């Protein structure tokens, strides 16, 4: 028994000595030099493929750090905004100013839509309706009001009709599809009554399509060309403009106004002669009845 005990202790000591020797051998081995990703990049070498990183990927990373040019914002051409300006000015020479206006309107790509001129004893006045492209609206307005003596009125109004334009155009396209369906039904009609009924529906839808198309065209034209309502006048007689009318002149104007009022009242009475006649007959009947 004692012999076996000593043998077991000896084997245990041999096992401990063998483990210690193995650990010492592992400690004396040279460490393996594994190059890191940072060292490889600093030396200009591509990272190991086993890490999933190649030289091409490194080039892409370097390019991504460069500033990316941002495209310039494009104008929103889908916006439909109707711009209208009202301008009333006094000028020194109406003839010269008119020539200047015509040249500037032509320069900005616009045109004069209408023209009206009035004149009295001391003033000559001209009214113009000018159409200019929407992108030239501000420049044209400033150019028109640049060489004037005095600006009496200046107002600008903008109306966004984008929603109406899109809605009208969508309804027009929808009605076109409905019209195509009715045309198919017209081919399947079996008698005159069905043909006339379907044709009536087609005519109604066609009228609605034409009206919508006209509205779309009007909104597009109005949004493409802005409107400037220009009124300019020239003082032809300073004394007459500053002079107050005399007593007799004002008295004559008052008589003339009274006479016009009296004539208007007479015309008003004549225009309601049936009521006057009925009233006179009713009054005569009441008086006759009271006497009885």
Protein backbone atom coordinates (compact mmCIF):
# COMPACT_ATOMS: atom_id res chain seq x y z
CA UNK A 1 0.00 0.00 0.00
CA UNK A 2 2.77 2.37 0.89
CA UNK A 3 4.51 1.45 -2.36
CA UNK A 4 1.53 2.50 -4.44
CA UNK A 5 1.21 5.78 -2.57
CA UNK A 6 4.81 6.73 -3.28
CA UNK A 7 4.40 5.81 -6.95
CA UNK A 8 1.37 8.15 -7.30
CA UNK A 9 3.23 11.04 -5.70
CA UNK A 10 6.12 10.52 -8.10
CA UNK A 11 3.87 10.59 -11.17
CA UNK A 12 2.17 13.79 -9.93
CA UNK A 13 5.57 15.50 -9.55
CA UNK A 14 6.61 14.45 -13.05
CA UNK A 15 3.35 15.90 -14.45
CA UNK A 16 3.93 19.26 -12.70
CA UNK A 17 7.52 19.46 -14.01
CA UNK A 18 6.36 18.73 -17.56
CA UNK A 19 3.69 21.54 -17.46
CA UNK A 20 6.21 24.08 -16.20
CA UNK A 21 8.61 23.20 -19.00
CA UNK A 22 5.92 23.65 -21.64
CA UNK A 23 4.96 27.11 -20.31
CA UNK A 24 8.55 28.25 -20.35
CA UNK A 25 8.93 27.15 -24.00
CA UNK A 26 5.84 29.21 -25.00
CA UNK A 27 7.24 32.31 -23.27
CA UNK A 28 10.59 32.08 -25.10
CA UNK A 29 8.98 32.03 -28.60
CA UNK A 30 9.41 35.29 -30.68
CA UNK A 31 6.22 37.30 -31.07
CA UNK A 32 4.66 37.26 -34.51
CA UNK A 33 4.83 40.69 -36.27
CA UNK A 34 1.33 41.34 -37.63
CA UNK A 35 1.25 44.66 -39.55
CA UNK A 36 -1.70 46.83 -38.61
CA UNK A 37 -4.00 48.60 -41.07
CA UNK A 38 -2.69 52.00 -40.01
CA UNK A 39 0.95 51.00 -40.56
CA UNK A 40 0.16 49.64 -44.01
CA UNK A 41 -1.62 52.85 -44.99
CA UNK A 42 1.27 54.97 -43.71
CA UNK A 43 3.76 52.93 -45.76
CA UNK A 44 1.64 53.31 -48.90
CA UNK A 45 0.79 49.57 -48.99
CA UNK A 46 -2.73 48.24 -49.47
CA UNK A 47 -4.38 46.62 -46.51
CA UNK A 48 -4.59 42.82 -46.36
CA UNK A 49 -7.31 41.28 -48.51
CA UNK A 50 -8.24 39.05 -45.58
CA UNK A 51 -9.50 42.16 -43.81
CA UNK A 52 -11.85 42.90 -46.74
CA UNK A 53 -10.04 46.12 -47.68
CA UNK A 54 -8.26 46.52 -51.02
CA UNK A 55 -6.24 49.26 -52.65
CA UNK A 56 -9.22 50.37 -54.79
CA UNK A 57 -11.34 50.86 -51.70
CA UNK A 58 -8.61 52.97 -50.15
CA UNK A 59 -8.61 55.20 -53.25
CA UNK A 60 -12.39 55.62 -53.01
CA UNK A 61 -12.07 56.64 -49.36
CA UNK A 62 -9.52 59.28 -50.25
CA UNK A 63 -11.76 60.65 -53.02
CA UNK A 64 -14.79 60.77 -50.72
CA UNK A 65 -12.96 63.26 -48.52
CA UNK A 66 -12.76 65.74 -51.40
CA UNK A 67 -15.53 68.42 -51.47
CA UNK A 68 -18.46 67.44 -53.67
CA UNK A 69 -19.74 70.33 -55.82
CA UNK A 70 -23.34 71.24 -55.01
CA UNK A 71 -25.47 71.91 -58.12
CA UNK A 72 -26.96 75.38 -58.35
CA UNK A 73 -30.68 75.54 -57.53
CA UNK A 74 -32.89 75.63 -60.60
CA UNK A 75 -35.84 77.99 -60.81
CA UNK A 76 -39.24 76.43 -60.19
CA UNK A 77 -40.78 76.76 -63.64
CA UNK A 78 -43.94 75.01 -62.46
CA UNK A 79 -44.97 78.04 -60.41
CA UNK A 80 -47.76 80.07 -61.98
CA UNK A 81 -47.75 83.56 -60.44
CA UNK A 82 -49.59 86.47 -62.05
CA UNK A 83 -47.92 89.79 -61.29
CA UNK A 84 -49.70 93.11 -61.83
CA UNK A 85 -48.35 96.60 -61.17
CA UNK A 86 -50.13 99.96 -61.20
CA UNK A 87 -48.00 103.05 -61.74
CA UNK A 88 -49.08 106.68 -62.00
CA UNK A 89 -46.37 109.30 -62.63
CA UNK A 90 -45.86 112.88 -63.74
CA UNK A 91 -43.34 113.52 -66.51
CA UNK A 92 -41.74 116.66 -67.91
CA UNK A 93 -42.21 115.91 -71.60
CA UNK A 94 -44.81 113.33 -72.56
CA UNK A 95 -43.54 112.86 -76.12
CA UNK A 96 -39.96 112.14 -75.09
CA UNK A 97 -41.10 109.88 -72.25
CA UNK A 98 -43.31 107.89 -74.64
CA UNK A 99 -40.34 107.23 -76.93
CA UNK A 100 -38.25 106.15 -73.96
CA UNK A 101 -40.98 103.79 -72.77
CA UNK A 102 -41.31 102.14 -76.18
CA UNK A 103 -37.55 101.54 -76.35
CA UNK A 104 -37.37 100.11 -72.82
CA UNK A 105 -40.38 97.84 -73.29
CA UNK A 106 -38.81 96.46 -76.47
CA UNK A 107 -35.50 96.05 -74.65
CA UNK A 108 -37.11 93.92 -71.92
CA UNK A 109 -38.89 91.73 -74.46
CA UNK A 110 -42.37 93.13 -73.83
CA UNK A 111 -45.04 94.92 -75.79
CA UNK A 112 -47.77 97.57 -75.38
CA UNK A 113 -51.16 95.84 -75.21
CA UNK A 114 -53.35 98.97 -75.21
CA UNK A 115 -53.05 102.76 -75.22
CA UNK A 116 -55.42 105.60 -74.36
CA UNK A 117 -54.87 109.36 -74.31
CA UNK A 118 -56.92 112.24 -72.87
CA UNK A 119 -56.28 115.99 -72.81
CA UNK A 120 -57.82 119.09 -71.22
CA UNK A 121 -56.87 122.76 -70.87
CA UNK A 122 -53.88 122.20 -68.64
CA UNK A 123 -52.92 118.49 -68.71
CA UNK A 124 -52.25 115.72 -71.24
CA UNK A 125 -52.62 112.19 -69.89
CA UNK A 126 -51.75 108.78 -71.42
CA UNK A 127 -52.62 105.32 -70.12
CA UNK A 128 -50.69 102.23 -71.28
CA UNK A 129 -51.11 98.53 -70.55
CA UNK A 130 -47.66 96.96 -70.87
CA UNK A 131 -46.87 93.23 -70.98
CA UNK A 132 -43.35 92.06 -70.08
CA UNK A 133 -41.89 88.59 -69.38
CA UNK A 134 -42.21 87.60 -65.74
CA UNK A 135 -38.43 87.40 -65.25
CA UNK A 136 -38.09 91.01 -66.49
CA UNK A 137 -40.94 92.42 -64.39
CA UNK A 138 -38.86 94.11 -61.67
CA UNK A 139 -36.28 95.48 -64.10
CA UNK A 140 -38.96 96.86 -66.41
CA UNK A 141 -40.87 98.49 -63.54
CA UNK A 142 -37.74 100.18 -62.21
CA UNK A 143 -36.72 101.30 -65.70
CA UNK A 144 -40.11 102.81 -66.43
CA UNK A 145 -40.20 104.83 -63.20
CA UNK A 146 -36.56 105.96 -63.39
CA UNK A 147 -36.87 109.24 -65.34
CA UNK A 148 -40.08 110.80 -64.00
CA UNK A 149 -40.81 114.05 -62.21
CA UNK A 150 -43.06 112.59 -59.52
CA UNK A 151 -44.58 109.22 -58.65
CA UNK A 152 -48.15 109.55 -57.39
CA UNK A 153 -49.06 105.88 -57.18
CA UNK A 154 -47.13 102.60 -57.22
CA UNK A 155 -48.63 99.25 -56.28
CA UNK A 156 -47.71 95.64 -57.02
CA UNK A 157 -50.00 92.63 -56.68
CA UNK A 158 -49.04 88.95 -57.03
CA UNK A 159 -51.52 86.09 -57.39
CA UNK A 160 -50.41 82.45 -57.16
CA UNK A 161 -52.59 80.41 -59.54
CA UNK A 162 -50.49 77.23 -59.46
CA UNK A 163 -53.18 75.20 -57.69
CA UNK A 164 -55.88 76.34 -60.09
CA UNK A 165 -53.68 75.62 -63.09
CA UNK A 166 -52.83 72.08 -61.95
CA UNK A 167 -56.44 71.31 -60.96
CA UNK A 168 -57.90 72.60 -64.23
CA UNK A 169 -55.40 70.69 -66.32
CA UNK A 170 -56.03 67.47 -64.35
CA UNK A 171 -59.79 67.78 -64.79
CA UNK A 172 -59.31 68.43 -68.50
CA UNK A 173 -57.28 65.23 -68.90
CA UNK A 174 -59.86 63.28 -66.92
CA UNK A 175 -62.68 64.53 -69.14
CA UNK A 176 -60.70 63.48 -72.20
CA UNK A 177 -60.65 59.92 -70.87
CA UNK A 178 -64.40 60.06 -70.26
CA UNK A 179 -64.94 61.29 -73.80
CA UNK A 180 -62.99 58.30 -75.16
CA UNK A 181 -65.28 55.95 -73.23
CA UNK A 182 -68.36 57.61 -74.68
CA UNK A 183 -66.88 57.31 -78.16
CA UNK A 184 -66.57 53.57 -77.60
CA UNK A 185 -70.19 53.46 -76.45
CA UNK A 186 -71.19 55.38 -79.56
CA UNK A 187 -69.77 52.60 -81.71
CA UNK A 188 -71.94 50.10 -79.80
CA UNK A 189 -75.19 52.06 -80.14
CA UNK A 190 -77.98 50.04 -81.76
CA UNK A 191 -80.54 52.67 -82.68
CA UNK A 192 -80.93 56.40 -83.36
CA UNK A 193 -82.12 57.15 -79.83
CA UNK A 194 -78.99 55.69 -78.24
CA UNK A 195 -76.77 57.46 -80.78
CA UNK A 196 -78.37 60.85 -80.04
CA UNK A 197 -78.15 60.34 -76.29
CA UNK A 198 -74.47 59.36 -76.32
CA UNK A 199 -73.66 62.15 -78.78
CA UNK A 200 -75.31 64.67 -76.43
CA UNK A 201 -73.04 63.53 -73.60
CA UNK A 202 -70.01 63.77 -75.87
CA UNK A 203 -70.90 67.33 -76.91
CA UNK A 204 -71.31 68.41 -73.27
CA UNK A 205 -67.96 66.92 -72.28
CA UNK A 206 -66.27 68.49 -75.30
CA UNK A 207 -67.56 71.93 -74.27
CA UNK A 208 -66.15 71.42 -70.78
CA UNK A 209 -62.80 70.32 -72.22
CA UNK A 210 -62.65 73.42 -74.46
CA UNK A 211 -63.45 75.69 -71.51
CA UNK A 212 -60.76 74.06 -69.36
CA UNK A 213 -58.22 74.30 -72.19
CA UNK A 214 -59.00 78.00 -72.59
CA UNK A 215 -58.55 78.59 -68.87
CA UNK A 216 -55.23 76.73 -68.82
CA UNK A 217 -53.99 78.77 -71.76
CA UNK A 218 -55.08 82.03 -70.11
CA UNK A 219 -53.31 81.17 -66.83
CA UNK A 220 -50.14 80.16 -68.67
CA UNK A 221 -50.11 83.38 -70.71
CA UNK A 222 -50.88 85.55 -67.69
CA UNK A 223 -48.13 83.92 -65.64
CA UNK A 224 -45.60 84.11 -68.48
CA UNK A 225 -46.20 87.86 -69.09
CA UNK A 226 -46.71 90.27 -66.22
CA UNK A 227 -48.87 93.39 -66.56
CA UNK A 228 -47.89 97.00 -65.85
CA UNK A 229 -50.75 99.53 -65.89
CA UNK A 230 -48.90 102.79 -66.53
CA UNK A 231 -50.52 106.22 -66.44
CA UNK A 232 -48.35 109.29 -67.03
CA UNK A 233 -49.36 112.90 -67.51
CA UNK A 234 -47.74 116.15 -68.55
CA UNK A 235 -48.70 119.61 -67.27
CA UNK A 236 -49.20 121.78 -70.35
CA UNK A 237 -50.28 125.00 -68.54
CA UNK A 238 -48.96 125.62 -65.03
CA UNK A 239 -51.09 128.71 -64.49
CA UNK A 240 -54.30 126.96 -65.45
CA UNK A 241 -53.40 124.03 -63.24
CA UNK A 242 -52.80 126.23 -60.18
CA UNK A 243 -55.56 128.78 -60.82
CA UNK A 244 -58.80 128.40 -58.85
CA UNK A 245 -62.01 128.93 -60.88
CA UNK A 246 -63.69 132.32 -60.33
CA UNK A 247 -67.11 133.01 -58.79
CA UNK A 248 -69.07 133.30 -62.02
CA UNK A 249 -67.39 130.26 -63.49
CA UNK A 250 -68.31 128.20 -60.44
CA UNK A 251 -71.84 129.63 -60.50
CA UNK A 252 -72.26 128.66 -64.13
CA UNK A 253 -70.99 125.17 -63.33
CA UNK A 254 -73.54 124.94 -60.50
CA UNK A 255 -76.44 125.97 -62.83
CA UNK A 256 -75.26 123.41 -65.33
CA UNK A 257 -75.15 120.72 -62.67
CA UNK A 258 -78.67 121.64 -61.45
CA UNK A 259 -80.06 121.58 -64.98
CA UNK A 260 -78.52 118.16 -65.59
CA UNK A 261 -80.03 116.89 -62.33
CA UNK A 262 -83.49 118.23 -63.29
CA UNK A 263 -83.28 116.58 -66.69
CA UNK A 264 -82.26 113.31 -65.10
CA UNK A 265 -85.20 113.53 -62.67
CA UNK A 266 -87.62 114.17 -65.55
CA UNK A 267 -86.25 111.21 -67.46
CA UNK A 268 -86.63 109.07 -64.34
CA UNK A 269 -90.28 110.10 -63.94
CA UNK A 270 -91.02 109.37 -67.59
CA UNK A 271 -89.42 105.96 -67.31
CA UNK A 272 -91.93 104.99 -64.57
CA UNK A 273 -95.04 106.39 -66.33
CA UNK A 274 -97.09 103.19 -65.78
CA UNK A 275 -96.79 103.63 -62.02
CA UNK A 276 -97.70 107.33 -62.29
CA UNK A 277 -100.74 106.49 -64.38
CA UNK A 278 -101.93 103.79 -61.94
CA UNK A 279 -101.41 106.13 -58.98
CA UNK A 280 -103.36 108.93 -60.65
CA UNK A 281 -106.25 106.57 -61.44
CA UNK A 282 -106.33 105.26 -57.87
CA UNK A 283 -106.38 108.77 -56.44
CA UNK A 284 -109.23 109.80 -58.77
CA UNK A 285 -111.25 106.72 -57.72
CA UNK A 286 -110.76 107.43 -54.00
CA UNK A 287 -111.82 111.06 -54.39
CA UNK A 288 -114.94 110.06 -56.33
CA UNK A 289 -115.89 107.48 -53.74
CA UNK A 290 -115.48 109.97 -50.88
CA UNK A 291 -117.90 112.40 -52.57
CA UNK A 292 -120.51 109.68 -52.84
